C-alpha atoms as a PDB file:
ATOM      1  CA  MET A   1      -4.421  -2.880  15.531  1.00  0.00           C
ATOM      2  CA  LEU A   2      -6.681  -2.977  12.454  1.00  0.00           C
ATOM      3  CA  ARG A   3     -10.250  -3.255  13.663  1.00  0.00           C
ATOM      4  CA  SER A   4     -12.571  -4.077  10.774  1.00  0.00           C
ATOM      5  CA  ASN A   5     -15.661  -2.592  12.446  1.00  0.00           C
ATOM      6  CA  VAL A   6     -14.147   0.935  12.722  1.00  0.00           C
ATOM      7  CA  THR A   7     -14.842   2.893   9.526  1.00  0.00           C
ATOM      8  CA  ASP A   8     -15.696   6.426  10.642  1.00  0.00           C
ATOM      9  CA  GLY A   9     -12.432   8.097   9.612  1.00  0.00           C
ATOM     10  CA  ARG A  10     -10.805   8.020  13.028  1.00  0.00           C
ATOM     11  CA  ILE A  11      -7.068   7.697  13.453  1.00  0.00           C
ATOM     12  CA  LEU A  12      -5.759   4.826  15.570  1.00  0.00           C
ATOM     13  CA  ARG A  13      -2.296   5.418  17.009  1.00  0.00           C
ATOM     14  CA  GLU A  14       0.292   2.790  17.896  1.00  0.00           C
ATOM     15  CA  ARG A  15       1.481   3.117  21.499  1.00  0.00           C
ATOM     16  CA  ARG A  16       4.848   1.400  21.114  1.00  0.00           C
ATOM     17  CA  LEU A  17       5.935   2.893  17.767  1.00  0.00           C
ATOM     18  CA  CYS A  18       5.887   6.661  18.187  1.00  0.00           C
ATOM     19  CA  GLY A  19       4.217   8.483  15.280  1.00  0.00           C
ATOM     20  CA  PHE A  20       2.736   5.425  13.512  1.00  0.00           C
ATOM     21  CA  CYS A  21      -1.022   5.503  12.949  1.00  0.00           C
ATOM     22  CA  VAL A  22      -3.804   4.098  10.754  1.00  0.00           C
ATOM     23  CA  ARG A  23      -6.680   6.178   9.385  1.00  0.00           C
ATOM     24  CA  MET A  24      -9.837   4.044   9.272  1.00  0.00           C
ATOM     25  CA  SER A  25     -12.160   5.164   6.448  1.00  0.00           C
ATOM     26  CA  PRO A  26     -15.089   3.245   4.917  1.00  0.00           C
ATOM     27  CA  GLY A  27     -13.256   2.467   1.669  1.00  0.00           C
ATOM     28  CA  LYS A  28      -9.657   2.050   2.801  1.00  0.00           C
ATOM     29  CA  ARG A  29      -7.150   2.054   5.626  1.00  0.00           C
ATOM     30  CA  ALA A  30      -4.101   4.285   5.283  1.00  0.00           C
ATOM     31  CA  PHE A  31      -0.879   3.675   7.193  1.00  0.00           C
ATOM     32  CA  LYS A  32       0.645   7.001   8.220  1.00  0.00           C
ATOM     33  CA  VAL A  33       3.479   8.477  10.212  1.00  0.00           C
ATOM     34  CA  ALA A  34       2.835  11.701  12.129  1.00  0.00           C
ATOM     35  CA  THR A  35       5.390  14.009  13.708  1.00  0.00           C
ATOM     36  CA  SER A  36       6.200  17.675  14.257  1.00  0.00           C
ATOM     37  CA  VAL A  37       8.680  19.561  12.088  1.00  0.00           C
ATOM     38  CA  ALA A  38       9.656  23.091  13.145  1.00  0.00           C
ATOM     39  CA  GLY A  39       6.551  23.266  15.362  1.00  0.00           C
ATOM     40  CA  LYS A  40       4.135  22.233  12.590  1.00  0.00           C
ATOM     41  CA  GLN A  41       2.341  18.897  12.443  1.00  0.00           C
ATOM     42  CA  PHE A  42       3.387  16.706   9.522  1.00  0.00           C
ATOM     43  CA  ARG A  43       1.715  13.469   8.319  1.00  0.00           C
ATOM     44  CA  MET A  44       2.893  11.235   5.529  1.00  0.00           C
ATOM     45  CA  ILE A  45       1.018   8.293   4.001  1.00  0.00           C
ATOM     46  CA  LEU A  46       3.177   5.177   3.919  1.00  0.00           C
ATOM     47  CA  GLY A  47       0.697   2.953   2.077  1.00  0.00           C
ATOM     48  CA  TYR A  48      -2.764   1.423   2.059  1.00  0.00           C
ATOM     49  CA  TRP A  49      -4.007  -1.791   3.644  1.00  0.00           C
ATOM     50  CA  LEU A  50      -4.606  -4.627   1.194  1.00  0.00           C
ATOM     51  CA  LEU A  51      -1.963  -3.122  -1.099  1.00  0.00           C
ATOM     52  CA  MET A  52       0.629  -3.684   1.641  1.00  0.00           C
ATOM     53  CA  SER A  53       0.739  -5.145   5.125  1.00  0.00           C
ATOM     54  CA  VAL A  54       2.079  -3.706   8.369  1.00  0.00           C
ATOM     55  CA  ASP A  55       5.070  -6.046   8.014  1.00  0.00           C
ATOM     56  CA  GLU A  56       6.063  -4.378   4.716  1.00  0.00           C
ATOM     57  CA  ILE A  57       6.143  -0.902   6.239  1.00  0.00           C
END
């Protein structure tokens, strides 16, 4: 899922794990979970790549 050549800030979403995504920025990759709560979108950062792996999430 982590593509090293993507660094424009886009969000890559996991198809099998609903709500899990990775934001690809030039300096870091952030693992996030996104969902709706009471009709409002909610995103929470779970951690950053290189500080933790997908297996640790």
